[in-house]
Amino acid sequence: MEQTTTPVYEAPVVLDGGAVVMVTLGTNNFDTADDTEYKNA
Protein backbone atom coordinates (compact mmCIF):
# COMPACT_ATOMS: atom_id res chain seq x y z
CA MET A 1 0.00 0.00 0.00
CA GLU A 2 2.02 2.91 -1.30
CA GLN A 3 0.86 6.42 -2.03
CA THR A 4 2.48 8.75 -4.54
CA THR A 5 1.27 11.71 -2.49
CA THR A 6 2.65 12.82 0.86
CA PRO A 7 1.00 10.77 3.62
CA VAL A 8 -0.85 12.66 6.33
CA TYR A 9 0.82 10.50 8.95
CA GLU A 10 3.74 8.12 9.11
CA ALA A 11 3.47 4.76 10.80
CA PRO A 12 6.84 3.02 10.96
CA VAL A 13 6.26 -0.54 12.11
CA VAL A 14 9.15 -2.41 13.66
CA LEU A 15 8.57 -6.05 14.52
CA ASP A 16 11.56 -7.18 16.50
CA GLY A 17 11.19 -9.80 19.21
CA GLY A 18 8.65 -7.98 21.38
CA ALA A 19 6.87 -6.67 18.29
CA VAL A 20 7.42 -2.99 18.97
CA VAL A 21 5.10 -0.89 16.85
CA MET A 22 5.88 2.80 16.88
CA VAL A 23 3.19 4.97 15.36
CA THR A 24 3.83 8.63 14.64
CA LEU A 25 0.77 10.85 14.35
CA GLY A 26 1.88 14.43 13.79
CA THR A 27 3.92 15.13 16.91
CA ASN A 28 2.36 12.38 19.00
CA ASN A 29 4.56 9.35 19.51
CA PHE A 30 3.27 6.26 21.23
CA ASP A 31 3.87 2.53 21.11
CA THR A 32 1.67 -0.52 21.62
CA ALA A 33 2.35 -0.32 25.35
CA ASP A 34 0.58 3.03 25.63
CA ASP A 35 -1.76 3.05 22.65
CA THR A 36 -4.74 1.96 24.76
CA GLU A 37 -5.35 5.48 26.05
CA TYR A 38 -5.19 6.81 22.50
CA LYS A 39 -7.65 4.20 21.22
CA ASN A 40 -10.05 5.08 24.02
CA ALA A 41 -9.70 8.78 23.34
PDB file of N, CA and C in Angstrom:
ATOM      1  N   MET A   1       0.849  -1.199   0.000  1.00  0.00           N
ATOM      2  CA  MET A   1       0.000   0.000   0.000  1.00  0.00           C
ATOM      3  C   MET A   1       0.881   1.246   0.000  1.00  0.00           C
ATOM      4  N   GLU A   2       1.165   1.733  -1.196  1.00  0.00           N
ATOM      5  CA  GLU A   2       2.022   2.908  -1.301  1.00  0.00           C
ATOM      6  C   GLU A   2       1.269   4.053  -1.960  1.00  0.00           C
ATOM      7  N   GLN A   3       1.512   5.244  -1.462  1.00  0.00           N
ATOM      8  CA  GLN A   3       0.864   6.416  -2.034  1.00  0.00           C
ATOM      9  C   GLN A   3       1.907   7.293  -2.707  1.00  0.00           C
ATOM     10  N   THR A   4       1.554   7.858  -3.846  1.00  0.00           N
ATOM     11  CA  THR A   4       2.481   8.746  -4.539  1.00  0.00           C
ATOM     12  C   THR A   4       2.446  10.131  -3.921  1.00  0.00           C
ATOM     13  N   THR A   5       1.393  10.415  -3.148  1.00  0.00           N
ATOM     14  CA  THR A   5       1.271  11.710  -2.488  1.00  0.00           C
ATOM     15  C   THR A   5       1.866  11.634  -1.089  1.00  0.00           C
ATOM     16  N   THR A   6       2.084  12.784  -0.484  1.00  0.00           N
ATOM     17  CA  THR A   6       2.647  12.822   0.861  1.00  0.00           C
ATOM     18  C   THR A   6       1.609  12.352   1.875  1.00  0.00           C
ATOM     19  N   PRO A   7       1.935  11.311   2.623  1.00  0.00           N
ATOM     20  CA  PRO A   7       1.002  10.772   3.616  1.00  0.00           C
ATOM     21  C   PRO A   7       0.735  11.767   4.738  1.00  0.00           C
ATOM     22  N   VAL A   8      -0.473  11.750   5.255  1.00  0.00           N
ATOM     23  CA  VAL A   8      -0.846  12.658   6.335  1.00  0.00           C
ATOM     24  C   VAL A   8      -0.109  12.273   7.601  1.00  0.00           C
ATOM     25  N   TYR A   9       0.105  10.976   7.770  1.00  0.00           N
ATOM     26  CA  TYR A   9       0.817  10.503   8.948  1.00  0.00           C
ATOM     27  C   TYR A   9       1.760   9.382   8.560  1.00  0.00           C
ATOM     28  N   GLU A  10       2.798   9.193   9.370  1.00  0.00           N
ATOM     29  CA  GLU A  10       3.740   8.120   9.108  1.00  0.00           C
ATOM     30  C   GLU A  10       3.627   7.077  10.199  1.00  0.00           C
ATOM     31  N   ALA A  11       3.598   5.823   9.811  1.00  0.00           N
ATOM     32  CA  ALA A  11       3.471   4.760  10.800  1.00  0.00           C
ATOM     33  C   ALA A  11       4.543   3.695  10.592  1.00  0.00           C
ATOM     34  N   PRO A  12       5.758   3.998  11.053  1.00  0.00           N
ATOM     35  CA  PRO A  12       6.845   3.019  10.960  1.00  0.00           C
ATOM     36  C   PRO A  12       6.591   1.840  11.875  1.00  0.00           C
ATOM     37  N   VAL A  13       6.539   0.641  11.296  1.00  0.00           N
ATOM     38  CA  VAL A  13       6.256  -0.541  12.106  1.00  0.00           C
ATOM     39  C   VAL A  13       7.511  -1.397  12.215  1.00  0.00           C
ATOM     40  N   VAL A  14       7.953  -1.608  13.441  1.00  0.00           N
ATOM     41  CA  VAL A  14       9.153  -2.407  13.655  1.00  0.00           C
ATOM     42  C   VAL A  14       8.803  -3.645  14.466  1.00  0.00           C
ATOM     43  N   LEU A  15       8.871  -4.810  13.805  1.00  0.00           N
ATOM     44  CA  LEU A  15       8.571  -6.046  14.518  1.00  0.00           C
ATOM     45  C   LEU A  15       9.885  -6.737  14.858  1.00  0.00           C
ATOM     46  N   ASP A  16      10.296  -6.601  16.091  1.00  0.00           N
ATOM     47  CA  ASP A  16      11.561  -7.184  16.499  1.00  0.00           C
ATOM     48  C   ASP A  16      11.425  -7.805  17.876  1.00  0.00           C
ATOM     49  N   GLY A  17      11.281  -9.108  17.933  1.00  0.00           N
ATOM     50  CA  GLY A  17      11.190  -9.798  19.214  1.00  0.00           C
ATOM     51  C   GLY A  17       9.874  -9.496  19.909  1.00  0.00           C
ATOM     52  N   GLY A  18       9.833  -8.367  20.604  1.00  0.00           N
ATOM     53  CA  GLY A  18       8.651  -7.985  21.375  1.00  0.00           C
ATOM     54  C   GLY A  18       7.593  -7.317  20.523  1.00  0.00           C
ATOM     55  N   ALA A  19       7.822  -7.287  19.211  1.00  0.00           N
ATOM     56  CA  ALA A  19       6.872  -6.674  18.290  1.00  0.00           C
ATOM     57  C   ALA A  19       6.573  -5.235  18.698  1.00  0.00           C
ATOM     58  N   VAL A  20       7.581  -4.393  18.606  1.00  0.00           N
ATOM     59  CA  VAL A  20       7.418  -2.987  18.968  1.00  0.00           C
ATOM     60  C   VAL A  20       6.889  -2.202  17.776  1.00  0.00           C
ATOM     61  N   VAL A  21       5.693  -1.657  17.940  1.00  0.00           N
ATOM     62  CA  VAL A  21       5.098  -0.886  16.853  1.00  0.00           C
ATOM     63  C   VAL A  21       5.039   0.581  17.248  1.00  0.00           C
ATOM     64  N   MET A  22       5.852   1.386  16.573  1.00  0.00           N
ATOM     65  CA  MET A  22       5.883   2.802  16.877  1.00  0.00           C
ATOM     66  C   MET A  22       5.079   3.566  15.837  1.00  0.00           C
ATOM     67  N   VAL A  23       4.047   4.230  16.289  1.00  0.00           N
ATOM     68  CA  VAL A  23       3.192   4.972  15.365  1.00  0.00           C
ATOM     69  C   VAL A  23       3.375   6.464  15.601  1.00  0.00           C
ATOM     70  N   THR A  24       3.625   7.184  14.527  1.00  0.00           N
ATOM     71  CA  THR A  24       3.829   8.625  14.638  1.00  0.00           C
ATOM     72  C   THR A  24       2.659   9.371  14.015  1.00  0.00           C
ATOM     73  N   LEU A  25       1.895  10.056  14.853  1.00  0.00           N
ATOM     74  CA  LEU A  25       0.775  10.850  14.354  1.00  0.00           C
ATOM     75  C   LEU A  25       1.072  12.318  14.639  1.00  0.00           C
ATOM     76  N   GLY A  26       1.510  13.025  13.614  1.00  0.00           N
ATOM     77  CA  GLY A  26       1.875  14.431  13.789  1.00  0.00           C
ATOM     78  C   GLY A  26       3.075  14.528  14.718  1.00  0.00           C
ATOM     79  N   THR A  27       2.841  15.023  15.934  1.00  0.00           N
ATOM     80  CA  THR A  27       3.920  15.135  16.910  1.00  0.00           C
ATOM     81  C   THR A  27       3.686  14.183  18.070  1.00  0.00           C
ATOM     82  N   ASN A  28       2.682  13.311  17.921  1.00  0.00           N
ATOM     83  CA  ASN A  28       2.356  12.380  19.000  1.00  0.00           C
ATOM     84  C   ASN A  28       3.010  11.032  18.745  1.00  0.00           C
ATOM     85  N   ASN A  29       3.887  10.631  19.641  1.00  0.00           N
ATOM     86  CA  ASN A  29       4.562   9.350  19.506  1.00  0.00           C
ATOM     87  C   ASN A  29       4.114   8.409  20.608  1.00  0.00           C
ATOM     88  N   PHE A  30       3.672   7.235  20.228  1.00  0.00           N
ATOM     89  CA  PHE A  30       3.266   6.259  21.232  1.00  0.00           C
ATOM     90  C   PHE A  30       3.440   4.853  20.678  1.00  0.00           C
ATOM     91  N   ASP A  31       3.676   3.902  21.557  1.00  0.00           N
ATOM     92  CA  ASP A  31       3.866   2.527  21.113  1.00  0.00           C
ATOM     93  C   ASP A  31       2.700   1.663  21.583  1.00  0.00           C
ATOM     94  N   THR A  32       2.778   0.382  21.301  1.00  0.00           N
ATOM     95  CA  THR A  32       1.671  -0.516  21.622  1.00  0.00           C
ATOM     96  C   THR A  32       1.467  -0.648  23.121  1.00  0.00           C
ATOM     97  N   ALA A  33       2.463  -0.213  23.895  1.00  0.00           N
ATOM     98  CA  ALA A  33       2.352  -0.318  25.348  1.00  0.00           C
ATOM     99  C   ALA A  33       1.467   0.795  25.906  1.00  0.00           C
ATOM    100  N   ASP A  34       1.338   1.874  25.140  1.00  0.00           N
ATOM    101  CA  ASP A  34       0.576   3.027  25.631  1.00  0.00           C
ATOM    102  C   ASP A  34      -0.579   3.411  24.707  1.00  0.00           C
ATOM    103  N   ASP A  35      -0.765   2.644  23.631  1.00  0.00           N
ATOM    104  CA  ASP A  35      -1.764   3.046  22.645  1.00  0.00           C
ATOM    105  C   ASP A  35      -3.197   2.870  23.122  1.00  0.00           C
ATOM    106  N   THR A  36      -3.392   2.199  24.253  1.00  0.00           N
ATOM    107  CA  THR A  36      -4.744   1.957  24.761  1.00  0.00           C
ATOM    108  C   THR A  36      -5.452   3.270  25.074  1.00  0.00           C
ATOM    109  N   GLU A  37      -4.745   4.200  25.692  1.00  0.00           N
ATOM    110  CA  GLU A  37      -5.354   5.481  26.049  1.00  0.00           C
ATOM    111  C   GLU A  37      -5.695   6.291  24.800  1.00  0.00           C
ATOM    112  N   TYR A  38      -4.927   6.091  23.733  1.00  0.00           N
ATOM    113  CA  TYR A  38      -5.195   6.808  22.498  1.00  0.00           C
ATOM    114  C   TYR A  38      -6.395   6.205  21.776  1.00  0.00           C
ATOM    115  N   LYS A  39      -6.522   4.872  21.849  1.00  0.00           N
ATOM    116  CA  LYS A  39      -7.649   4.200  21.215  1.00  0.00           C
ATOM    117  C   LYS A  39      -8.950   4.525  21.932  1.00  0.00           C
ATOM    118  N   ASN A  40      -8.871   4.764  23.230  1.00  0.00           N
ATOM    119  CA  ASN A  40     -10.055   5.075  24.020  1.00  0.00           C
ATOM    120  C   ASN A  40     -10.395   6.555  23.959  1.00  0.00           C
ATOM    121  N   ALA A  41      -9.484   7.342  23.393  1.00  0.00           N
ATOM    122  CA  ALA A  41      -9.701   8.785  23.337  1.00  0.00           C
ATOM    123  C   ALA A  41     -10.808   9.130  22.345  1.00  0.00           C
TER     124      ALA A  41
END
